Protein backbone atom coordinates (compact mmCIF):
# COMPACT_ATOMS: atom_id res chain seq x y z
CA UNK A 1 -6.83 -97.20 -107.94
CA UNK A 2 -4.89 -94.76 -105.78
CA UNK A 3 -6.41 -92.63 -103.05
CA UNK A 4 -5.79 -89.45 -105.04
CA UNK A 5 -7.69 -90.82 -108.03
CA UNK A 6 -10.51 -91.90 -105.74
CA UNK A 7 -10.74 -88.38 -104.24
CA UNK A 8 -10.72 -86.84 -107.72
CA UNK A 9 -13.59 -89.10 -108.81
CA UNK A 10 -15.59 -88.24 -105.68
CA UNK A 11 -15.04 -84.50 -106.14
CA UNK A 12 -15.84 -84.73 -109.83
CA UNK A 13 -19.07 -86.61 -109.24
CA UNK A 14 -20.41 -84.77 -106.19
CA UNK A 15 -18.42 -81.55 -105.84
CA UNK A 16 -15.94 -81.11 -102.99
CA UNK A 17 -18.42 -80.25 -100.23
CA UNK A 18 -20.93 -83.00 -101.02
CA UNK A 19 -18.14 -85.54 -101.58
CA UNK A 20 -16.87 -84.82 -98.07
CA UNK A 21 -20.37 -85.24 -96.65
CA UNK A 22 -20.92 -88.52 -98.49
CA UNK A 23 -17.52 -89.79 -97.33
CA UNK A 24 -18.14 -88.98 -93.69
CA UNK A 25 -21.88 -89.45 -93.23
CA UNK A 26 -23.29 -92.14 -95.54
CA UNK A 27 -23.06 -95.69 -94.20
CA UNK A 28 -22.80 -98.26 -97.00
CA UNK A 29 -24.08 -101.79 -96.46
CA UNK A 30 -21.79 -102.94 -99.31
CA UNK A 31 -18.84 -101.82 -97.17
CA UNK A 32 -19.90 -103.77 -94.12
CA UNK A 33 -21.82 -100.91 -92.53
CA UNK A 34 -18.92 -98.48 -92.87
CA UNK A 35 -18.63 -94.97 -94.20
CA UNK A 36 -16.19 -94.27 -97.05
CA UNK A 37 -13.65 -92.91 -94.57
CA UNK A 38 -13.97 -95.94 -92.29
CA UNK A 39 -13.67 -98.36 -95.20
CA UNK A 40 -10.53 -96.68 -96.52
CA UNK A 41 -9.01 -96.53 -93.03
CA UNK A 42 -9.73 -100.25 -92.64
CA UNK A 43 -7.76 -100.99 -95.81
CA UNK A 44 -10.56 -101.65 -98.26
CA UNK A 45 -9.38 -101.05 -101.82
CA UNK A 46 -10.45 -97.59 -103.06
CA UNK A 47 -11.79 -99.19 -106.26
CA UNK A 48 -14.17 -101.34 -104.18
CA UNK A 49 -15.22 -98.26 -102.21
CA UNK A 50 -15.82 -96.31 -105.44
CA UNK A 51 -17.95 -99.18 -106.77
CA UNK A 52 -20.10 -99.08 -103.61
CA UNK A 53 -20.53 -95.32 -103.94
CA UNK A 54 -21.45 -95.66 -107.62
CA UNK A 55 -24.01 -98.36 -106.89
CA UNK A 56 -25.60 -96.42 -104.03
CA UNK A 57 -25.81 -93.14 -105.95
CA UNK A 58 -26.60 -94.56 -109.41
CA UNK A 59 -23.49 -93.10 -111.02
CA UNK A 60 -23.79 -93.74 -114.78
CA UNK A 61 -21.47 -96.43 -116.18
CA UNK A 62 -19.55 -93.89 -118.26
CA UNK A 63 -18.35 -92.17 -115.07
CA UNK A 64 -17.50 -95.28 -113.06
């Protein structure tokens, strides 16, 4: 998954403003205690980050 696709999925699921808040503010235990932005900056695959977001926010399987 590319970063642009990841951003599109985030915006589609949460809306642009909430996606930005989730990316910057929510700390995910599945990402080693990192936010989305920290995880991506540390080189974690965007697909793995998306999976952590989906799990934390109960995104339905059809939109994962």
